[in-house]
Protein backbone atom coordinates (compact mmCIF):
# COMPACT_ATOMS: atom_id res chain seq x y z
CA MET A 1 30.49 -4.83 -23.68
CA ARG A 2 27.86 -2.11 -23.79
CA ILE A 3 24.51 -2.71 -22.10
CA ASN A 4 21.33 -0.63 -22.44
CA LEU A 5 20.15 -0.32 -18.83
CA LYS A 6 16.62 0.79 -18.00
CA LEU A 7 15.79 1.61 -14.38
CA MET A 8 12.54 2.19 -12.53
CA GLN A 9 12.19 4.24 -9.34
CA PRO A 10 13.76 4.47 -6.81
CA LEU A 11 16.92 3.32 -8.63
CA ALA A 12 16.44 5.81 -11.47
CA GLY A 13 16.45 8.63 -8.91
CA LEU A 14 19.60 7.36 -7.22
CA VAL A 15 21.43 7.00 -10.56
CA GLY A 16 20.01 10.20 -12.06
CA SER A 17 18.62 8.53 -15.18
CA LYS A 18 16.04 5.95 -16.15
CA ASP A 19 17.77 4.97 -19.38
CA LEU A 20 21.54 4.71 -19.82
CA TRP A 21 24.25 2.77 -21.61
CA LEU A 22 26.80 1.13 -19.35
CA ASP A 23 30.18 -0.34 -20.33
CA VAL A 24 30.65 -3.63 -18.48
CA GLY A 25 33.90 -5.60 -18.31
CA GLY A 26 32.23 -9.01 -17.87
CA GLY A 27 29.24 -10.71 -19.36
CA THR A 28 26.96 -11.52 -16.42
CA LEU A 29 24.29 -9.60 -14.53
CA GLY A 30 26.58 -9.73 -11.51
CA ASP A 31 29.22 -7.87 -13.52
CA LEU A 32 26.63 -5.29 -14.57
CA ILE A 33 25.36 -4.78 -11.01
CA GLY A 34 28.95 -4.48 -9.75
CA GLN A 35 29.72 -1.82 -12.36
CA LEU A 36 26.50 0.06 -11.59
CA CYS A 37 27.30 0.09 -7.87
CA GLN A 38 30.92 1.12 -8.51
CA ASP A 39 29.85 3.97 -10.80
CA HIS A 40 26.97 5.25 -8.65
CA GLY A 41 27.93 4.49 -5.06
CA ALA A 42 26.85 2.81 -1.89
CA ALA A 43 23.27 4.12 -2.02
CA VAL A 44 22.63 2.10 -5.19
CA ALA A 45 24.28 -1.00 -3.71
CA GLY A 46 22.25 -0.60 -0.51
CA GLU A 47 19.01 -0.33 -2.47
CA LEU A 48 19.62 -3.13 -4.96
CA LEU A 49 21.50 -5.77 -2.94
CA ASP A 50 20.76 -7.57 0.31
CA LYS A 51 23.30 -7.95 3.13
CA ASP A 52 24.75 -11.08 1.45
CA GLY A 53 25.34 -9.29 -1.88
CA SER A 54 22.45 -11.04 -3.63
CA LEU A 55 19.72 -9.24 -5.52
CA ASP A 56 17.26 -7.85 -2.98
CA LEU A 57 13.87 -9.60 -3.10
CA ALA A 58 12.25 -6.22 -3.80
CA TYR A 59 13.73 -6.27 -7.33
CA ALA A 60 13.61 -8.37 -10.47
CA ILE A 61 15.62 -8.07 -13.67
CA ALA A 62 14.71 -8.73 -17.30
CA VAL A 63 17.47 -9.40 -19.83
CA ASP A 64 16.25 -9.00 -23.40
CA GLY A 65 12.69 -9.58 -22.18
CA GLU A 66 13.39 -12.67 -20.02
CA VAL A 67 12.86 -12.18 -16.27
CA THR A 68 15.57 -13.60 -14.01
CA ARG A 69 16.85 -13.28 -10.45
CA SER A 70 20.18 -14.99 -11.11
CA LEU A 71 23.20 -12.70 -11.14
CA SER A 72 25.04 -15.36 -13.17
CA THR A 73 22.71 -14.77 -16.15
CA PHE A 74 24.73 -13.97 -19.27
CA MET A 75 24.18 -10.90 -21.43
CA ARG A 76 25.38 -10.05 -24.92
CA ASP A 77 26.78 -6.81 -26.28
CA GLY A 78 23.79 -4.50 -26.78
CA SER A 79 21.48 -6.40 -24.39
CA GLU A 80 18.61 -4.46 -22.88
CA VAL A 81 18.42 -4.92 -19.12
CA LEU A 82 15.44 -3.65 -17.12
CA ILE A 83 15.63 -3.49 -13.32
CA PHE A 84 12.20 -3.12 -11.73
CA ALA A 85 10.39 -3.60 -8.44
CA SER A 86 8.97 -7.06 -7.88
CA ILE A 87 5.27 -7.26 -7.24
CA VAL A 88 4.76 -9.09 -3.96
CA GLY A 89 2.29 -9.25 -1.17
CA GLY A 90 -1.42 -9.77 -0.90
CA ALA A 91 -3.66 -11.49 1.54
CA LYS A 92 -3.80 -15.21 2.08
CA VAL A 93 -7.27 -16.49 1.32
CA PRO A 94 -8.54 -19.06 3.85
């Protein structure tokens, strides 16, 4: 299946594009991430995944406009997938 992948920095810089079409053999986000890492190397895997192979907490993913962190989320042919930095942090108010 073909997926329209949109990347924000720093991933876009590592891949060399912020908007690309990727052919994926399976139908889950995990399949997409695996293909992206295979195509673009260890630097992408190191940025996007934690030491256990899960999505790093610094990132979130939207599939056709729905935000998810589950790599078992299914996609359809032609899905738009956006990988972006999560917004975290702030001060705890007493």
